[in-house]
Amino acid sequence: MHRVADEASLDTNKLNIDDINSKISDEQRQPYQNTFLQECEYMNVLIKVIVTSLAEIELAFKGELTMNEKMENLMNAIFLNRVPANWTKYGFVSTRVLSSWLDNLK
């Protein structure tokens, strides 16, 4: 579970879209820059999903939430070093194991 706690630090790695957007002048704005901004937003959604699901599991361990099938599936995937299904729904296609996938995400 130590690895899971480490991944909660992903929340601090969210991309500041407003800051990035302010550094792109109108003259520089091309389709590539717009795509880059969309990918940044996409990554932030993925990070939010990861952090939220890990926080729910932590609350369940504390007895503040009832453990459900979704949480059990998430814990099983983490235990087996697989990318959880609800993360791949928002993430990128990969055949990596969870630890390598998270390193790639960072």
C-alpha atoms as a PDB file:
ATOM      1  CA  MET A   1       0.000   0.000   0.000  1.00  0.00           C
ATOM      2  CA  HIS A   2       3.064   2.253   0.297  1.00  0.00           C
ATOM      3  CA  ARG A   3       3.082   2.586  -3.492  1.00  0.00           C
ATOM      4  CA  VAL A   4      -0.567   3.723  -3.416  1.00  0.00           C
ATOM      5  CA  ALA A   5       0.229   6.477  -0.917  1.00  0.00           C
ATOM      6  CA  ASP A   6       3.059   7.591  -3.189  1.00  0.00           C
ATOM      7  CA  GLU A   7       0.664   7.882  -6.114  1.00  0.00           C
ATOM      8  CA  ALA A   8      -1.629  10.208  -4.148  1.00  0.00           C
ATOM      9  CA  SER A   9       1.129  12.770  -4.640  1.00  0.00           C
ATOM     10  CA  LEU A  10       0.018  12.848  -8.283  1.00  0.00           C
ATOM     11  CA  ASP A  11      -2.564  15.412  -7.240  1.00  0.00           C
ATOM     12  CA  THR A  12       0.208  17.954  -6.748  1.00  0.00           C
ATOM     13  CA  ASN A  13       1.394  17.278 -10.302  1.00  0.00           C
ATOM     14  CA  LYS A  14      -1.749  18.529 -12.010  1.00  0.00           C
ATOM     15  CA  LEU A  15      -0.996  20.769 -14.926  1.00  0.00           C
ATOM     16  CA  ASN A  16      -1.923  24.430 -14.571  1.00  0.00           C
ATOM     17  CA  ILE A  17      -3.890  24.898 -17.782  1.00  0.00           C
ATOM     18  CA  ASP A  18      -4.422  28.625 -17.253  1.00  0.00           C
ATOM     19  CA  ASP A  19      -0.701  29.196 -16.773  1.00  0.00           C
ATOM     20  CA  ILE A  20       0.191  27.161 -19.855  1.00  0.00           C
ATOM     21  CA  ASN A  21      -2.498  28.879 -21.909  1.00  0.00           C
ATOM     22  CA  SER A  22      -1.295  32.336 -20.881  1.00  0.00           C
ATOM     23  CA  LYS A  23       2.192  31.546 -22.207  1.00  0.00           C
ATOM     24  CA  ILE A  24       0.897  30.803 -25.697  1.00  0.00           C
ATOM     25  CA  SER A  25       0.428  34.001 -27.650  1.00  0.00           C
ATOM     26  CA  ASP A  26      -2.243  34.356 -30.311  1.00  0.00           C
ATOM     27  CA  GLU A  27       0.461  34.347 -32.998  1.00  0.00           C
ATOM     28  CA  GLN A  28       1.770  31.007 -31.703  1.00  0.00           C
ATOM     29  CA  ARG A  29      -1.647  29.421 -31.465  1.00  0.00           C
ATOM     30  CA  GLN A  30      -1.786  26.606 -33.988  1.00  0.00           C
ATOM     31  CA  PRO A  31      -3.621  23.268 -34.024  1.00  0.00           C
ATOM     32  CA  TYR A  32      -0.666  21.635 -32.246  1.00  0.00           C
ATOM     33  CA  GLN A  33      -0.906  24.046 -29.319  1.00  0.00           C
ATOM     34  CA  ASN A  34      -4.646  23.468 -29.042  1.00  0.00           C
ATOM     35  CA  THR A  35      -4.095  19.708 -29.085  1.00  0.00           C
ATOM     36  CA  PHE A  36      -1.422  20.067 -26.405  1.00  0.00           C
ATOM     37  CA  LEU A  37      -3.843  21.997 -24.174  1.00  0.00           C
ATOM     38  CA  GLN A  38      -6.506  19.346 -24.708  1.00  0.00           C
ATOM     39  CA  GLU A  39      -4.027  16.628 -23.723  1.00  0.00           C
ATOM     40  CA  CYS A  40      -3.128  18.593 -20.574  1.00  0.00           C
ATOM     41  CA  GLU A  41      -6.801  18.752 -19.616  1.00  0.00           C
ATOM     42  CA  TYR A  42      -7.129  15.042 -20.383  1.00  0.00           C
ATOM     43  CA  MET A  43      -4.220  14.247 -18.057  1.00  0.00           C
ATOM     44  CA  ASN A  44      -5.736  16.366 -15.284  1.00  0.00           C
ATOM     45  CA  VAL A  45      -8.990  14.398 -15.514  1.00  0.00           C
ATOM     46  CA  LEU A  46      -7.035  11.146 -15.257  1.00  0.00           C
ATOM     47  CA  ILE A  47      -5.091  12.414 -12.243  1.00  0.00           C
ATOM     48  CA  LYS A  48      -8.351  13.448 -10.559  1.00  0.00           C
ATOM     49  CA  VAL A  49      -9.860   9.989 -11.151  1.00  0.00           C
ATOM     50  CA  ILE A  50      -6.783   8.289  -9.683  1.00  0.00           C
ATOM     51  CA  VAL A  51      -6.604  10.538  -6.622  1.00  0.00           C
ATOM     52  CA  THR A  52     -10.351  10.310  -5.959  1.00  0.00           C
ATOM     53  CA  SER A  53     -10.451   6.521  -6.195  1.00  0.00           C
ATOM     54  CA  LEU A  54      -7.443   6.162  -3.878  1.00  0.00           C
ATOM     55  CA  ALA A  55      -9.030   8.575  -1.386  1.00  0.00           C
ATOM     56  CA  GLU A  56     -12.234   6.487  -1.418  1.00  0.00           C
ATOM     57  CA  ILE A  57     -10.261   3.343  -0.607  1.00  0.00           C
ATOM     58  CA  GLU A  58      -8.494   5.145   2.227  1.00  0.00           C
ATOM     59  CA  LEU A  59     -11.871   6.223   3.655  1.00  0.00           C
ATOM     60  CA  ALA A  60     -13.141   2.647   3.355  1.00  0.00           C
ATOM     61  CA  PHE A  61     -10.108   1.371   5.285  1.00  0.00           C
ATOM     62  CA  LYS A  62     -10.906   3.892   8.014  1.00  0.00           C
ATOM     63  CA  GLY A  63     -14.504   2.678   8.112  1.00  0.00           C
ATOM     64  CA  GLU A  64     -15.923   5.972   6.858  1.00  0.00           C
ATOM     65  CA  LEU A  65     -17.189   4.460   3.581  1.00  0.00           C
ATOM     66  CA  THR A  66     -18.647   1.055   2.854  1.00  0.00           C
ATOM     67  CA  MET A  67     -16.375  -1.051   0.685  1.00  0.00           C
ATOM     68  CA  ASN A  68     -18.040  -1.825  -2.636  1.00  0.00           C
ATOM     69  CA  GLU A  69     -17.238  -3.976  -5.654  1.00  0.00           C
ATOM     70  CA  LYS A  70     -15.620  -1.080  -7.534  1.00  0.00           C
ATOM     71  CA  MET A  71     -13.220  -0.484  -4.637  1.00  0.00           C
ATOM     72  CA  GLU A  72     -12.434  -4.182  -4.335  1.00  0.00           C
ATOM     73  CA  ASN A  73     -11.681  -4.387  -8.051  1.00  0.00           C
ATOM     74  CA  LEU A  74      -9.386  -1.382  -7.730  1.00  0.00           C
ATOM     75  CA  MET A  75      -7.537  -2.916  -4.779  1.00  0.00           C
ATOM     76  CA  ASN A  76      -7.194  -6.254  -6.553  1.00  0.00           C
ATOM     77  CA  ALA A  77      -5.778  -4.579  -9.660  1.00  0.00           C
ATOM     78  CA  ILE A  78      -3.279  -2.617  -7.561  1.00  0.00           C
ATOM     79  CA  PHE A  79      -2.279  -5.769  -5.660  1.00  0.00           C
ATOM     80  CA  LEU A  80      -1.727  -7.593  -8.964  1.00  0.00           C
ATOM     81  CA  ASN A  81       0.234  -4.617 -10.399  1.00  0.00           C
ATOM     82  CA  ARG A  82      -2.370  -4.081 -13.126  1.00  0.00           C
ATOM     83  CA  VAL A  83      -3.846  -0.792 -14.273  1.00  0.00           C
ATOM     84  CA  PRO A  84      -7.386  -0.600 -12.806  1.00  0.00           C
ATOM     85  CA  ALA A  85     -10.169  -0.623 -15.399  1.00  0.00           C
ATOM     86  CA  ASN A  86     -11.649   2.685 -14.267  1.00  0.00           C
ATOM     87  CA  TRP A  87      -8.232   4.338 -14.717  1.00  0.00           C
ATOM     88  CA  THR A  88      -7.761   2.941 -18.220  1.00  0.00           C
ATOM     89  CA  LYS A  89     -11.176   4.331 -19.105  1.00  0.00           C
ATOM     90  CA  TYR A  90      -9.706   7.825 -18.664  1.00  0.00           C
ATOM     91  CA  GLY A  91      -6.085   6.940 -19.379  1.00  0.00           C
ATOM     92  CA  PHE A  92      -4.005   6.033 -22.342  1.00  0.00           C
ATOM     93  CA  VAL A  93      -3.805   2.629 -23.983  1.00  0.00           C
ATOM     94  CA  SER A  94      -0.872   0.649 -22.690  1.00  0.00           C
ATOM     95  CA  THR A  95       0.226  -2.911 -22.033  1.00  0.00           C
ATOM     96  CA  ARG A  96       2.471  -1.833 -19.143  1.00  0.00           C
ATOM     97  CA  VAL A  97       2.096  -3.104 -15.596  1.00  0.00           C
ATOM     98  CA  LEU A  98       0.740  -0.594 -13.082  1.00  0.00           C
ATOM     99  CA  SER A  99       4.085   0.541 -11.676  1.00  0.00           C
ATOM    100  CA  SER A 100       5.495   1.224 -15.144  1.00  0.00           C
ATOM    101  CA  TRP A 101       2.223   2.836 -16.252  1.00  0.00           C
ATOM    102  CA  LEU A 102       2.331   5.243 -13.301  1.00  0.00           C
ATOM    103  CA  ASP A 103       5.968   6.092 -13.972  1.00  0.00           C
ATOM    104  CA  ASN A 104       5.012   6.832 -17.568  1.00  0.00           C
ATOM    105  CA  LEU A 105       2.103   8.976 -16.397  1.00  0.00           C
ATOM    106  CA  LYS A 106       4.405  11.046 -14.219  1.00  0.00           C
END
